[in-house]
């Protein structure tokens, strides 16, 4: 069962990584909020038939669906707007920094002291992000890369909320509910700053369908099942491959190349993310 779960999580990492291609296509058409809005609302509707019947949604669940949905709105909005100003590979690897930020959010919010390995991971990931964003030239992030890093903080917050509170509720209904909140907020922003006519190109419609059905709908469902049948360390390491698949897919499909120093930066970030997840195997310093 554990091997099957690990293979399932490998598939999730592949789905999520290649899902950045759909986001890259949306970037080419200069649409962010509407793309997010339609994708998440559609994903929410796709999950509805899979919600177990007879399950009542409590006020507490509604509250945390709203909180998770608002956090996810900021995460997805920053990520997608950032893609307008950077490459898909950059977005994929910089988003993966959420795994490094998360332990420090748990420290601030729940007084769970971070492991010494988290400190090492943060330093390494910062160095890797600098190489990825600047290719070694200058000391400033590109505008899009800065948005991706800020977005990674919100992805970390989303991870914490799901881990601390969403586990109390039926997962599919919680996913559908907070996806709907995220979608509506993005859609409202899209109506304010974008035009509905931007959603008409066929490649963009295909990108929306892929993201809604696979990246968000199926990907989340498989993640829940997989993580229930394997160790947290295995899950974190396997899901960390999302960034690798995002970079490879951007090179293969979108023809977005990286110079050697940027590839080196990607490698450092990936190692930092994996290193931060190995702390369960190493005792903390007293």
C-alpha atoms as a PDB file:
ATOM      1  CA  UNK A   1       0.000   0.000   0.000  1.00  0.00           C
ATOM      2  CA  UNK A   2       2.834   2.395   0.865  1.00  0.00           C
ATOM      3  CA  UNK A   3       4.472   1.836  -2.533  1.00  0.00           C
ATOM      4  CA  UNK A   4       1.145   2.484  -4.248  1.00  0.00           C
ATOM      5  CA  UNK A   5       0.707   5.668  -2.214  1.00  0.00           C
ATOM      6  CA  UNK A   6       4.204   6.881  -3.099  1.00  0.00           C
ATOM      7  CA  UNK A   7       3.556   6.216  -6.791  1.00  0.00           C
ATOM      8  CA  UNK A   8       0.285   8.140  -6.457  1.00  0.00           C
ATOM      9  CA  UNK A   9       2.096  11.121  -4.916  1.00  0.00           C
ATOM     10  CA  UNK A  10       4.663  10.914  -7.722  1.00  0.00           C
ATOM     11  CA  UNK A  11       1.738  11.263 -10.152  1.00  0.00           C
ATOM     12  CA  UNK A  12       0.462  14.252  -8.147  1.00  0.00           C
ATOM     13  CA  UNK A  13       3.875  15.944  -8.385  1.00  0.00           C
ATOM     14  CA  UNK A  14       3.838  15.337 -12.147  1.00  0.00           C
ATOM     15  CA  UNK A  15       0.305  16.730 -12.482  1.00  0.00           C
ATOM     16  CA  UNK A  16       1.086  19.794 -10.400  1.00  0.00           C
ATOM     17  CA  UNK A  17       4.416  20.417 -12.126  1.00  0.00           C
ATOM     18  CA  UNK A  18       3.013  20.182 -15.631  1.00  0.00           C
ATOM     19  CA  UNK A  19       0.083  22.286 -14.427  1.00  0.00           C
ATOM     20  CA  UNK A  20       2.448  25.247 -14.497  1.00  0.00           C
ATOM     21  CA  UNK A  21       2.309  24.950 -18.295  1.00  0.00           C
ATOM     22  CA  UNK A  22      -1.368  25.879 -18.250  1.00  0.00           C
ATOM     23  CA  UNK A  23      -0.426  28.861 -16.089  1.00  0.00           C
ATOM     24  CA  UNK A  24       2.321  29.759 -18.532  1.00  0.00           C
ATOM     25  CA  UNK A  25      -0.203  29.702 -21.382  1.00  0.00           C
ATOM     26  CA  UNK A  26      -2.431  32.054 -19.379  1.00  0.00           C
ATOM     27  CA  UNK A  27       0.605  34.298 -18.878  1.00  0.00           C
ATOM     28  CA  UNK A  28       1.118  34.490 -22.635  1.00  0.00           C
ATOM     29  CA  UNK A  29      -2.423  35.834 -22.979  1.00  0.00           C
ATOM     30  CA  UNK A  30      -1.821  38.294 -20.117  1.00  0.00           C
ATOM     31  CA  UNK A  31      -4.657  36.990 -17.968  1.00  0.00           C
ATOM     32  CA  UNK A  32      -4.233  36.112 -14.292  1.00  0.00           C
ATOM     33  CA  UNK A  33      -7.230  36.738 -12.029  1.00  0.00           C
ATOM     34  CA  UNK A  34      -9.905  35.528 -14.438  1.00  0.00           C
ATOM     35  CA  UNK A  35      -7.843  32.437 -15.238  1.00  0.00           C
ATOM     36  CA  UNK A  36      -7.569  31.646 -11.529  1.00  0.00           C
ATOM     37  CA  UNK A  37     -11.204  32.484 -10.876  1.00  0.00           C
ATOM     38  CA  UNK A  38     -12.719  30.267 -13.542  1.00  0.00           C
ATOM     39  CA  UNK A  39     -10.257  27.425 -12.825  1.00  0.00           C
ATOM     40  CA  UNK A  40     -10.971  27.289  -9.098  1.00  0.00           C
ATOM     41  CA  UNK A  41     -14.744  27.723  -9.408  1.00  0.00           C
ATOM     42  CA  UNK A  42     -14.839  24.946 -11.995  1.00  0.00           C
ATOM     43  CA  UNK A  43     -12.645  22.718  -9.788  1.00  0.00           C
ATOM     44  CA  UNK A  44     -15.008  23.349  -6.879  1.00  0.00           C
ATOM     45  CA  UNK A  45     -17.960  22.220  -8.981  1.00  0.00           C
ATOM     46  CA  UNK A  46     -16.074  19.145 -10.232  1.00  0.00           C
ATOM     47  CA  UNK A  47     -15.556  17.998  -6.626  1.00  0.00           C
ATOM     48  CA  UNK A  48     -19.233  18.382  -5.631  1.00  0.00           C
ATOM     49  CA  UNK A  49     -20.368  14.896  -6.794  1.00  0.00           C
ATOM     50  CA  UNK A  50     -17.604  13.291  -4.702  1.00  0.00           C
ATOM     51  CA  UNK A  51     -18.659  14.857  -1.392  1.00  0.00           C
ATOM     52  CA  UNK A  52     -20.100  12.139   0.867  1.00  0.00           C
ATOM     53  CA  UNK A  53     -23.842  12.550   1.277  1.00  0.00           C
ATOM     54  CA  UNK A  54     -25.291  13.235   4.671  1.00  0.00           C
ATOM     55  CA  UNK A  55     -22.279  15.183   5.893  1.00  0.00           C
ATOM     56  CA  UNK A  56     -23.290  18.411   7.587  1.00  0.00           C
ATOM     57  CA  UNK A  57     -21.066  21.460   7.250  1.00  0.00           C
ATOM     58  CA  UNK A  58     -20.585  23.146  10.610  1.00  0.00           C
ATOM     59  CA  UNK A  59     -20.059  26.832  11.280  1.00  0.00           C
ATOM     60  CA  UNK A  60     -16.483  26.037  12.246  1.00  0.00           C
ATOM     61  CA  UNK A  61     -15.867  24.410   8.877  1.00  0.00           C
ATOM     62  CA  UNK A  62     -17.372  27.389   7.059  1.00  0.00           C
ATOM     63  CA  UNK A  63     -15.097  29.725   9.018  1.00  0.00           C
ATOM     64  CA  UNK A  64     -11.948  27.790   8.160  1.00  0.00           C
ATOM     65  CA  UNK A  65     -12.997  27.330   4.537  1.00  0.00           C
ATOM     66  CA  UNK A  66     -13.278  31.114   4.302  1.00  0.00           C
ATOM     67  CA  UNK A  67      -9.886  31.645   5.950  1.00  0.00           C
ATOM     68  CA  UNK A  68      -8.187  28.998   3.796  1.00  0.00           C
ATOM     69  CA  UNK A  69      -9.886  30.365   0.685  1.00  0.00           C
ATOM     70  CA  UNK A  70      -8.699  33.929   1.322  1.00  0.00           C
ATOM     71  CA  UNK A  71      -5.134  32.754   1.956  1.00  0.00           C
ATOM     72  CA  UNK A  72      -5.222  30.615  -1.184  1.00  0.00           C
ATOM     73  CA  UNK A  73      -6.524  33.622  -3.126  1.00  0.00           C
ATOM     74  CA  UNK A  74      -3.422  35.641  -2.231  1.00  0.00           C
ATOM     75  CA  UNK A  75      -1.161  32.671  -2.975  1.00  0.00           C
ATOM     76  CA  UNK A  76      -2.655  31.975  -6.400  1.00  0.00           C
ATOM     77  CA  UNK A  77      -3.006  35.633  -7.367  1.00  0.00           C
ATOM     78  CA  UNK A  78       0.621  36.437  -6.553  1.00  0.00           C
ATOM     79  CA  UNK A  79       1.776  33.276  -8.306  1.00  0.00           C
ATOM     80  CA  UNK A  80      -0.189  33.894 -11.504  1.00  0.00           C
ATOM     81  CA  UNK A  81       0.565  37.624 -11.718  1.00  0.00           C
ATOM     82  CA  UNK A  82       4.219  36.778 -11.094  1.00  0.00           C
ATOM     83  CA  UNK A  83       4.193  34.438 -14.098  1.00  0.00           C
ATOM     84  CA  UNK A  84       3.371  37.469 -16.261  1.00  0.00           C
ATOM     85  CA  UNK A  85       6.846  38.810 -15.422  1.00  0.00           C
ATOM     86  CA  UNK A  86       8.995  35.690 -15.073  1.00  0.00           C
ATOM     87  CA  UNK A  87       9.458  32.203 -16.472  1.00  0.00           C
ATOM     88  CA  UNK A  88       7.423  29.148 -15.506  1.00  0.00           C
ATOM     89  CA  UNK A  89      10.541  27.370 -14.219  1.00  0.00           C
ATOM     90  CA  UNK A  90      11.263  30.282 -11.881  1.00  0.00           C
ATOM     91  CA  UNK A  91       7.667  30.233 -10.632  1.00  0.00           C
ATOM     92  CA  UNK A  92       7.779  26.496  -9.971  1.00  0.00           C
ATOM     93  CA  UNK A  93      11.008  26.507  -8.007  1.00  0.00           C
ATOM     94  CA  UNK A  94      10.357  29.716  -6.073  1.00  0.00           C
ATOM     95  CA  UNK A  95       6.879  28.496  -5.106  1.00  0.00           C
ATOM     96  CA  UNK A  96       8.495  25.375  -3.636  1.00  0.00           C
ATOM     97  CA  UNK A  97      10.067  27.625  -0.990  1.00  0.00           C
ATOM     98  CA  UNK A  98       6.810  27.259   0.954  1.00  0.00           C
ATOM     99  CA  UNK A  99       8.195  23.997   2.360  1.00  0.00           C
ATOM    100  CA  UNK A 100      11.095  25.954   3.865  1.00  0.00           C
ATOM    101  CA  UNK A 101       8.932  28.823   5.185  1.00  0.00           C
ATOM    102  CA  UNK A 102       6.356  26.566   6.835  1.00  0.00           C
ATOM    103  CA  UNK A 103       8.393  25.544   9.935  1.00  0.00           C
ATOM    104  CA  UNK A 104       8.947  29.202  10.838  1.00  0.00           C
ATOM    105  CA  UNK A 105       5.235  29.952  10.495  1.00  0.00           C
ATOM    106  CA  UNK A 106       4.549  27.094  12.897  1.00  0.00           C
ATOM    107  CA  UNK A 107       7.107  28.650  15.259  1.00  0.00           C
ATOM    108  CA  UNK A 108       5.470  32.084  15.149  1.00  0.00           C
ATOM    109  CA  UNK A 109       1.880  30.881  15.222  1.00  0.00           C
ATOM    110  CA  UNK A 110       2.057  27.751  17.364  1.00  0.00           C
ATOM    111  CA  UNK A 111       5.386  28.051  19.213  1.00  0.00           C
ATOM    112  CA  UNK A 112       6.724  24.931  17.506  1.00  0.00           C
ATOM    113  CA  UNK A 113      10.458  25.603  17.449  1.00  0.00           C
ATOM    114  CA  UNK A 114      12.043  24.990  14.024  1.00  0.00           C
ATOM    115  CA  UNK A 115      14.674  22.317  13.602  1.00  0.00           C
ATOM    116  CA  UNK A 116      18.277  23.418  13.060  1.00  0.00           C
ATOM    117  CA  UNK A 117      18.048  21.880   9.587  1.00  0.00           C
ATOM    118  CA  UNK A 118      15.349  24.422   8.696  1.00  0.00           C
ATOM    119  CA  UNK A 119      17.825  27.237   9.353  1.00  0.00           C
ATOM    120  CA  UNK A 120      20.337  25.652   6.979  1.00  0.00           C
ATOM    121  CA  UNK A 121      17.611  25.133   4.373  1.00  0.00           C
ATOM    122  CA  UNK A 122      16.555  28.796   4.478  1.00  0.00           C
ATOM    123  CA  UNK A 123      20.106  30.003   3.865  1.00  0.00           C
ATOM    124  CA  UNK A 124      20.606  27.544   1.000  1.00  0.00           C
ATOM    125  CA  UNK A 125      17.227  28.333  -0.573  1.00  0.00           C
ATOM    126  CA  UNK A 126      17.919  32.079  -0.434  1.00  0.00           C
ATOM    127  CA  UNK A 127      21.189  31.551  -2.286  1.00  0.00           C
ATOM    128  CA  UNK A 128      19.452  29.338  -4.839  1.00  0.00           C
ATOM    129  CA  UNK A 129      16.660  31.854  -5.382  1.00  0.00           C
ATOM    130  CA  UNK A 130      19.223  34.584  -6.032  1.00  0.00           C
ATOM    131  CA  UNK A 131      20.985  32.488  -8.696  1.00  0.00           C
ATOM    132  CA  UNK A 132      17.665  31.510 -10.284  1.00  0.00           C
ATOM    133  CA  UNK A 133      16.305  35.047 -10.444  1.00  0.00           C
ATOM    134  CA  UNK A 134      19.433  36.995 -11.386  1.00  0.00           C
ATOM    135  CA  UNK A 135      21.620  34.355 -13.081  1.00  0.00           C
ATOM    136  CA  UNK A 136      24.426  35.836 -10.975  1.00  0.00           C
ATOM    137  CA  UNK A 137      24.014  39.358 -12.372  1.00  0.00           C
ATOM    138  CA  UNK A 138      23.153  42.003  -9.798  1.00  0.00           C
ATOM    139  CA  UNK A 139      21.502  41.744  -6.414  1.00  0.00           C
ATOM    140  CA  UNK A 140      17.824  42.415  -7.206  1.00  0.00           C
ATOM    141  CA  UNK A 141      15.054  39.964  -7.954  1.00  0.00           C
ATOM    142  CA  UNK A 142      13.065  40.409 -11.116  1.00  0.00           C
ATOM    143  CA  UNK A 143       9.614  41.780 -10.355  1.00  0.00           C
ATOM    144  CA  UNK A 144       7.890  38.476 -11.107  1.00  0.00           C
ATOM    145  CA  UNK A 145      10.307  36.490  -8.956  1.00  0.00           C
ATOM    146  CA  UNK A 146       9.649  38.775  -5.988  1.00  0.00           C
ATOM    147  CA  UNK A 147       5.918  38.114  -6.339  1.00  0.00           C
ATOM    148  CA  UNK A 148       6.570  34.362  -6.460  1.00  0.00           C
ATOM    149  CA  UNK A 149       8.578  34.479  -3.220  1.00  0.00           C
ATOM    150  CA  UNK A 150       5.857  36.494  -1.452  1.00  0.00           C
ATOM    151  CA  UNK A 151       3.332  34.044  -2.843  1.00  0.00           C
ATOM    152  CA  UNK A 152       5.345  31.154  -1.395  1.00  0.00           C
ATOM    153  CA  UNK A 153       4.786  32.672   2.054  1.00  0.00           C
ATOM    154  CA  UNK A 154       1.034  32.489   1.493  1.00  0.00           C
ATOM    155  CA  UNK A 155       1.380  28.922   0.180  1.00  0.00           C
ATOM    156  CA  UNK A 156       3.115  28.132   3.464  1.00  0.00           C
ATOM    157  CA  UNK A 157       0.270  29.749   5.408  1.00  0.00           C
ATOM    158  CA  UNK A 158      -2.196  27.668   3.395  1.00  0.00           C
ATOM    159  CA  UNK A 159      -0.226  24.512   4.206  1.00  0.00           C
ATOM    160  CA  UNK A 160      -0.317  25.361   7.920  1.00  0.00           C
ATOM    161  CA  UNK A 161      -4.062  26.049   7.922  1.00  0.00           C
ATOM    162  CA  UNK A 162      -4.785  22.789   6.114  1.00  0.00           C
ATOM    163  CA  UNK A 163      -2.533  20.835   8.465  1.00  0.00           C
ATOM    164  CA  UNK A 164      -3.831  22.388  11.678  1.00  0.00           C
ATOM    165  CA  UNK A 165      -7.521  22.865  10.942  1.00  0.00           C
ATOM    166  CA  UNK A 166      -8.729  21.290   7.682  1.00  0.00           C
ATOM    167  CA  UNK A 167      -7.941  17.799   8.984  1.00  0.00           C
ATOM    168  CA  UNK A 168     -10.853  18.215  11.427  1.00  0.00           C
ATOM    169  CA  UNK A 169     -13.363  18.216   8.575  1.00  0.00           C
ATOM    170  CA  UNK A 170     -14.407  16.041   5.654  1.00  0.00           C
ATOM    171  CA  UNK A 171     -11.646  16.749   3.096  1.00  0.00           C
ATOM    172  CA  UNK A 172     -13.558  16.868  -0.188  1.00  0.00           C
ATOM    173  CA  UNK A 173     -16.216  19.287   1.031  1.00  0.00           C
ATOM    174  CA  UNK A 174     -13.524  21.449   2.628  1.00  0.00           C
ATOM    175  CA  UNK A 175     -11.524  21.468  -0.611  1.00  0.00           C
ATOM    176  CA  UNK A 176     -14.557  22.320  -2.727  1.00  0.00           C
ATOM    177  CA  UNK A 177     -15.649  25.077  -0.351  1.00  0.00           C
ATOM    178  CA  UNK A 178     -12.350  26.888  -0.033  1.00  0.00           C
ATOM    179  CA  UNK A 179     -11.626  26.472  -3.752  1.00  0.00           C
ATOM    180  CA  UNK A 180     -14.932  28.258  -4.407  1.00  0.00           C
ATOM    181  CA  UNK A 181     -13.935  31.140  -2.123  1.00  0.00           C
ATOM    182  CA  UNK A 182     -10.574  31.423  -3.892  1.00  0.00           C
ATOM    183  CA  UNK A 183     -12.247  31.340  -7.285  1.00  0.00           C
ATOM    184  CA  UNK A 184     -14.842  33.994  -6.478  1.00  0.00           C
ATOM    185  CA  UNK A 185     -12.248  36.415  -5.066  1.00  0.00           C
ATOM    186  CA  UNK A 186     -10.031  35.956  -8.127  1.00  0.00           C
ATOM    187  CA  UNK A 187     -13.012  36.377 -10.435  1.00  0.00           C
ATOM    188  CA  UNK A 188     -14.021  39.635  -8.746  1.00  0.00           C
ATOM    189  CA  UNK A 189     -10.470  40.948  -9.172  1.00  0.00           C
ATOM    190  CA  UNK A 190     -10.578  39.840 -12.802  1.00  0.00           C
ATOM    191  CA  UNK A 191     -13.778  41.759 -13.456  1.00  0.00           C
ATOM    192  CA  UNK A 192     -12.150  44.841 -11.939  1.00  0.00           C
ATOM    193  CA  UNK A 193      -8.794  44.700 -13.761  1.00  0.00           C
ATOM    194  CA  UNK A 194      -9.264  42.379 -16.747  1.00  0.00           C
ATOM    195  CA  UNK A 195     -11.884  41.760 -19.407  1.00  0.00           C
ATOM    196  CA  UNK A 196     -13.954  38.626 -19.982  1.00  0.00           C
ATOM    197  CA  UNK A 197     -12.966  38.732 -23.665  1.00  0.00           C
ATOM    198  CA  UNK A 198      -9.493  37.605 -22.549  1.00  0.00           C
ATOM    199  CA  UNK A 199     -10.897  34.139 -21.840  1.00  0.00           C
ATOM    200  CA  UNK A 200     -11.984  33.434 -25.431  1.00  0.00           C
ATOM    201  CA  UNK A 201      -8.797  31.979 -27.047  1.00  0.00           C
ATOM    202  CA  UNK A 202      -9.034  28.194 -27.428  1.00  0.00           C
ATOM    203  CA  UNK A 203      -5.562  27.476 -25.963  1.00  0.00           C
ATOM    204  CA  UNK A 204      -6.560  29.402 -22.839  1.00  0.00           C
ATOM    205  CA  UNK A 205      -9.837  27.491 -22.533  1.00  0.00           C
ATOM    206  CA  UNK A 206      -7.858  24.252 -22.748  1.00  0.00           C
ATOM    207  CA  UNK A 207      -5.465  25.513 -20.075  1.00  0.00           C
ATOM    208  CA  UNK A 208      -8.383  26.321 -17.765  1.00  0.00           C
ATOM    209  CA  UNK A 209      -9.913  22.866 -18.241  1.00  0.00           C
ATOM    210  CA  UNK A 210      -6.570  21.159 -17.554  1.00  0.00           C
ATOM    211  CA  UNK A 211      -5.889  23.151 -14.432  1.00  0.00           C
ATOM    212  CA  UNK A 212      -9.398  22.830 -13.032  1.00  0.00           C
ATOM    213  CA  UNK A 213      -9.804  19.105 -13.652  1.00  0.00           C
ATOM    214  CA  UNK A 214      -6.276  17.760 -13.165  1.00  0.00           C
ATOM    215  CA  UNK A 215      -4.109  20.224 -11.230  1.00  0.00           C
ATOM    216  CA  UNK A 216      -6.787  21.286  -8.754  1.00  0.00           C
ATOM    217  CA  UNK A 217      -9.544  18.662  -8.772  1.00  0.00           C
ATOM    218  CA  UNK A 218      -7.831  15.300  -9.320  1.00  0.00           C
ATOM    219  CA  UNK A 219      -4.453  16.396  -7.969  1.00  0.00           C
ATOM    220  CA  UNK A 220      -5.843  17.391  -4.586  1.00  0.00           C
ATOM    221  CA  UNK A 221      -7.934  14.212  -4.257  1.00  0.00           C
ATOM    222  CA  UNK A 222      -4.968  11.970  -5.023  1.00  0.00           C
ATOM    223  CA  UNK A 223      -2.813  13.941  -2.592  1.00  0.00           C
ATOM    224  CA  UNK A 224      -5.263  13.357   0.260  1.00  0.00           C
ATOM    225  CA  UNK A 225      -5.383   9.608  -0.404  1.00  0.00           C
ATOM    226  CA  UNK A 226      -1.630   9.277  -0.868  1.00  0.00           C
ATOM    227  CA  UNK A 227      -0.707  11.136   2.305  1.00  0.00           C
ATOM    228  CA  UNK A 228      -3.055   8.931   4.311  1.00  0.00           C
ATOM    229  CA  UNK A 229      -1.065   5.841   3.313  1.00  0.00           C
ATOM    230  CA  UNK A 230       2.571   6.915   3.562  1.00  0.00           C
ATOM    231  CA  UNK A 231       4.901   8.797   5.885  1.00  0.00           C
ATOM    232  CA  UNK A 232       5.039  12.620   5.968  1.00  0.00           C
ATOM    233  CA  UNK A 233       8.708  12.517   5.000  1.00  0.00           C
ATOM    234  CA  UNK A 234       8.044  10.375   1.922  1.00  0.00           C
ATOM    235  CA  UNK A 235       5.151  12.648   0.921  1.00  0.00           C
ATOM    236  CA  UNK A 236       7.172  15.858   1.271  1.00  0.00           C
ATOM    237  CA  UNK A 237      10.154  14.506  -0.662  1.00  0.00           C
ATOM    238  CA  UNK A 238       8.028  13.140  -3.496  1.00  0.00           C
ATOM    239  CA  UNK A 239       5.807  16.224  -3.796  1.00  0.00           C
ATOM    240  CA  UNK A 240       8.977  18.333  -3.874  1.00  0.00           C
ATOM    241  CA  UNK A 241       9.543  16.919  -7.368  1.00  0.00           C
ATOM    242  CA  UNK A 242       6.775  19.261  -8.549  1.00  0.00           C
ATOM    243  CA  UNK A 243       9.375  21.981  -9.029  1.00  0.00           C
ATOM    244  CA  UNK A 244      11.549  19.695 -11.169  1.00  0.00           C
ATOM    245  CA  UNK A 245       8.627  18.736 -13.397  1.00  0.00           C
ATOM    246  CA  UNK A 246       7.637  22.403 -13.741  1.00  0.00           C
ATOM    247  CA  UNK A 247      11.103  23.358 -14.950  1.00  0.00           C
ATOM    248  CA  UNK A 248      11.359  20.410 -17.332  1.00  0.00           C
ATOM    249  CA  UNK A 249       7.858  20.997 -18.743  1.00  0.00           C
ATOM    250  CA  UNK A 250       8.601  24.700 -19.301  1.00  0.00           C
ATOM    251  CA  UNK A 251      11.722  23.747 -21.251  1.00  0.00           C
ATOM    252  CA  UNK A 252      10.000  21.001 -23.259  1.00  0.00           C
ATOM    253  CA  UNK A 253       6.650  22.655 -24.044  1.00  0.00           C
ATOM    254  CA  UNK A 254       7.144  26.405 -23.697  1.00  0.00           C
ATOM    255  CA  UNK A 255      10.781  26.385 -24.882  1.00  0.00           C
ATOM    256  CA  UNK A 256      11.833  28.418 -21.859  1.00  0.00           C
ATOM    257  CA  UNK A 257      15.501  27.727 -21.288  1.00  0.00           C
ATOM    258  CA  UNK A 258      17.679  28.424 -18.265  1.00  0.00           C
ATOM    259  CA  UNK A 259      21.326  29.414 -18.220  1.00  0.00           C
ATOM    260  CA  UNK A 260      23.710  27.181 -16.222  1.00  0.00           C
ATOM    261  CA  UNK A 261      23.700  29.457 -13.142  1.00  0.00           C
ATOM    262  CA  UNK A 262      19.896  29.398 -13.070  1.00  0.00           C
ATOM    263  CA  UNK A 263      19.892  25.600 -13.300  1.00  0.00           C
ATOM    264  CA  UNK A 264      22.395  25.607 -10.436  1.00  0.00           C
ATOM    265  CA  UNK A 265      20.008  27.817  -8.446  1.00  0.00           C
ATOM    266  CA  UNK A 266      17.139  25.406  -9.148  1.00  0.00           C
ATOM    267  CA  UNK A 267      19.235  22.520  -7.886  1.00  0.00           C
ATOM    268  CA  UNK A 268      20.108  24.399  -4.666  1.00  0.00           C
ATOM    269  CA  UNK A 269      16.434  25.222  -3.982  1.00  0.00           C
ATOM    270  CA  UNK A 270      15.363  21.616  -4.584  1.00  0.00           C
ATOM    271  CA  UNK A 271      18.079  20.286  -2.279  1.00  0.00           C
ATOM    272  CA  UNK A 272      17.136  22.878   0.370  1.00  0.00           C
ATOM    273  CA  UNK A 273      13.463  21.870   0.241  1.00  0.00           C
ATOM    274  CA  UNK A 274      14.301  18.176   0.528  1.00  0.00           C
ATOM    275  CA  UNK A 275      16.881  18.834   3.250  1.00  0.00           C
ATOM    276  CA  UNK A 276      14.299  20.699   5.330  1.00  0.00           C
ATOM    277  CA  UNK A 277      11.984  17.676   5.140  1.00  0.00           C
ATOM    278  CA  UNK A 278      14.615  15.215   6.387  1.00  0.00           C
ATOM    279  CA  UNK A 279      14.503  16.574   9.940  1.00  0.00           C
ATOM    280  CA  UNK A 280      12.208  13.739  11.023  1.00  0.00           C
ATOM    281  CA  UNK A 281      15.161  11.419  10.534  1.00  0.00           C
ATOM    282  CA  UNK A 282      17.689  13.556  12.451  1.00  0.00           C
ATOM    283  CA  UNK A 283      17.433  14.455  16.156  1.00  0.00           C
ATOM    284  CA  UNK A 284      17.109  18.147  17.011  1.00  0.00           C
ATOM    285  CA  UNK A 285      19.848  19.905  18.960  1.00  0.00           C
ATOM    286  CA  UNK A 286      18.968  20.596  22.556  1.00  0.00           C
END
